C-alpha atoms as a PDB file:
ATOM      1  CA  MET A   1       0.000   0.000   0.000  1.00  0.00           C
ATOM      2  CA  VAL A   2       1.202   3.493  -0.848  1.00  0.00           C
ATOM      3  CA  LEU A   3      -0.044   6.561   1.001  1.00  0.00           C
ATOM      4  CA  VAL A   4      -0.695   9.466  -1.358  1.00  0.00           C
ATOM      5  CA  ILE A   5      -1.050  12.961   0.080  1.00  0.00           C
ATOM      6  CA  PRO A   6      -2.274  15.655  -2.324  1.00  0.00           C
ATOM      7  CA  SER A   7       0.291  18.437  -2.366  1.00  0.00           C
ATOM      8  CA  VAL A   8       1.861  21.093  -4.519  1.00  0.00           C
ATOM      9  CA  GLU A   9       5.124  23.018  -4.228  1.00  0.00           C
ATOM     10  CA  PRO A  10       4.827  26.424  -5.869  1.00  0.00           C
ATOM     11  CA  SER A  11       8.177  28.020  -6.692  1.00  0.00           C
ATOM     12  CA  THR A  12       8.577  31.780  -6.669  1.00  0.00           C
ATOM     13  CA  PRO A  13      11.536  34.163  -6.723  1.00  0.00           C
ATOM     14  CA  GLU A  14      11.039  34.429  -2.947  1.00  0.00           C
ATOM     15  CA  GLY A  15      11.321  30.667  -2.381  1.00  0.00           C
ATOM     16  CA  ASN A  16       9.194  27.524  -2.317  1.00  0.00           C
ATOM     17  CA  LEU A  17       6.093  26.673  -0.334  1.00  0.00           C
ATOM     18  CA  LEU A  18       4.979  23.089   0.207  1.00  0.00           C
ATOM     19  CA  CYS A  19       1.177  22.873   0.499  1.00  0.00           C
ATOM     20  CA  TYR A  20      -0.647  19.756   1.674  1.00  0.00           C
ATOM     21  CA  ALA A  21      -4.397  19.114   1.462  1.00  0.00           C
ATOM     22  CA  SER A  22      -6.716  16.466   2.825  1.00  0.00           C
ATOM     23  CA  THR A  23      -8.184  15.684  -0.611  1.00  0.00           C
ATOM     24  CA  LEU A  24      -7.363  16.402  -4.241  1.00  0.00           C
ATOM     25  CA  ASP A  25     -10.525  18.509  -4.482  1.00  0.00           C
ATOM     26  CA  ALA A  26      -9.419  20.653  -1.535  1.00  0.00           C
ATOM     27  CA  LEU A  27      -6.012  21.138  -3.133  1.00  0.00           C
ATOM     28  CA  GLU A  28      -7.562  22.230  -6.437  1.00  0.00           C
ATOM     29  CA  ARG A  29      -9.828  24.717  -4.640  1.00  0.00           C
ATOM     30  CA  PHE A  30      -6.839  26.182  -2.794  1.00  0.00           C
ATOM     31  CA  PHE A  31      -4.174  26.354  -5.482  1.00  0.00           C
ATOM     32  CA  ASN A  32      -3.830  29.486  -7.637  1.00  0.00           C
ATOM     33  CA  ARG A  33      -6.866  31.342  -6.341  1.00  0.00           C
ATOM     34  CA  VAL A  34      -5.380  34.461  -4.749  1.00  0.00           C
ATOM     35  CA  LEU A  35      -2.383  36.576  -5.713  1.00  0.00           C
ATOM     36  CA  ALA A  36      -0.946  37.527  -2.320  1.00  0.00           C
ATOM     37  CA  HIS A  37       0.909  40.543  -0.939  1.00  0.00           C
ATOM     38  CA  LEU A  38       0.991  42.527  -4.171  1.00  0.00           C
ATOM     39  CA  GLU A  39       2.734  45.575  -2.791  1.00  0.00           C
ATOM     40  CA  GLN A  40       5.430  44.090  -0.574  1.00  0.00           C
ATOM     41  CA  GLU A  41       9.105  44.171  -1.477  1.00  0.00           C
ATOM     42  CA  GLY A  42      10.049  41.085  -3.480  1.00  0.00           C
ATOM     43  CA  ALA A  43       6.418  40.159  -4.190  1.00  0.00           C
ATOM     44  CA  PHE A  44       4.443  40.009  -7.442  1.00  0.00           C
ATOM     45  CA  GLU A  45       4.385  43.702  -8.385  1.00  0.00           C
ATOM     46  CA  ALA A  46       8.062  44.237  -7.465  1.00  0.00           C
ATOM     47  CA  ASN A  47       9.083  41.242  -9.581  1.00  0.00           C
ATOM     48  CA  MET A  48       6.854  42.198 -12.529  1.00  0.00           C
ATOM     49  CA  PRO A  49       6.558  46.013 -12.451  1.00  0.00           C
ATOM     50  CA  ARG A  50       5.712  46.403 -16.156  1.00  0.00           C
ATOM     51  CA  PHE A  51       2.789  44.938 -18.040  1.00  0.00           C
ATOM     52  CA  THR A  52       4.116  42.097 -20.151  1.00  0.00           C
ATOM     53  CA  PRO A  53       2.148  39.336 -21.875  1.00  0.00           C
ATOM     54  CA  ALA A  54       3.171  36.975 -19.057  1.00  0.00           C
ATOM     55  CA  LYS A  55       1.890  39.357 -16.376  1.00  0.00           C
ATOM     56  CA  LEU A  56      -1.369  39.862 -18.248  1.00  0.00           C
ATOM     57  CA  ASP A  57      -1.779  36.076 -18.507  1.00  0.00           C
ATOM     58  CA  ILE A  58      -1.446  35.779 -14.723  1.00  0.00           C
ATOM     59  CA  LEU A  59      -3.832  38.642 -13.952  1.00  0.00           C
ATOM     60  CA  CYS A  60      -6.467  37.403 -16.417  1.00  0.00           C
ATOM     61  CA  HIS A  61      -6.235  33.704 -15.603  1.00  0.00           C
ATOM     62  CA  PRO A  62      -9.696  32.215 -14.909  1.00  0.00           C
ATOM     63  CA  ALA A  63      -8.440  30.439 -11.776  1.00  0.00           C
ATOM     64  CA  LEU A  64      -7.387  33.709 -10.120  1.00  0.00           C
ATOM     65  CA  GLU A  65     -10.177  34.779  -7.790  1.00  0.00           C
ATOM     66  CA  GLY A  66      -8.653  37.672  -5.919  1.00  0.00           C
ATOM     67  CA  PHE A  67      -5.752  39.802  -4.785  1.00  0.00           C
ATOM     68  CA  GLU A  68      -4.384  40.159  -1.268  1.00  0.00           C
ATOM     69  CA  VAL A  69      -2.823  43.402  -0.080  1.00  0.00           C
ATOM     70  CA  THR A  70      -1.285  44.051   3.309  1.00  0.00           C
ATOM     71  CA  ARG A  71      -2.207  47.738   3.628  1.00  0.00           C
ATOM     72  CA  VAL A  72      -5.550  49.466   3.237  1.00  0.00           C
ATOM     73  CA  ASP A  73      -3.831  52.328   1.392  1.00  0.00           C
ATOM     74  CA  CYS A  74      -2.276  50.098  -1.298  1.00  0.00           C
ATOM     75  CA  LEU A  75      -2.042  52.122  -4.521  1.00  0.00           C
ATOM     76  CA  ILE A  76      -1.863  49.190  -6.943  1.00  0.00           C
ATOM     77  CA  LEU A  77      -4.808  49.123  -9.329  1.00  0.00           C
ATOM     78  CA  TYR A  78      -5.429  46.796 -12.248  1.00  0.00           C
ATOM     79  CA  ASP A  79      -8.017  47.867 -14.808  1.00  0.00           C
ATOM     80  CA  GLN A  80      -8.568  47.924 -18.560  1.00  0.00           C
ATOM     81  CA  SER A  81      -6.367  51.032 -19.020  1.00  0.00           C
ATOM     82  CA  ALA A  82      -3.348  49.120 -17.743  1.00  0.00           C
ATOM     83  CA  ARG A  83      -3.343  46.882 -20.820  1.00  0.00           C
ATOM     84  CA  GLY A  84      -1.709  49.647 -22.814  1.00  0.00           C
END
């Protein structure tokens, strides 16, 4: 018998994060739903400050359900005008 634990290890410029879930369904619901800490040093916006096709693909991906900011006065805004 082999024990299988649903998990994923996202790699980012900041490092890796090993995520475990109780079921495959729970893992799929968790993974790639929120883009976190947009405005912090070394995070998404700092690593991708310009709008490139790759950045637009991330921001428009159907699995992305939200953005997480750490400050109420975060000035980052994504809208149609940002597409260029």
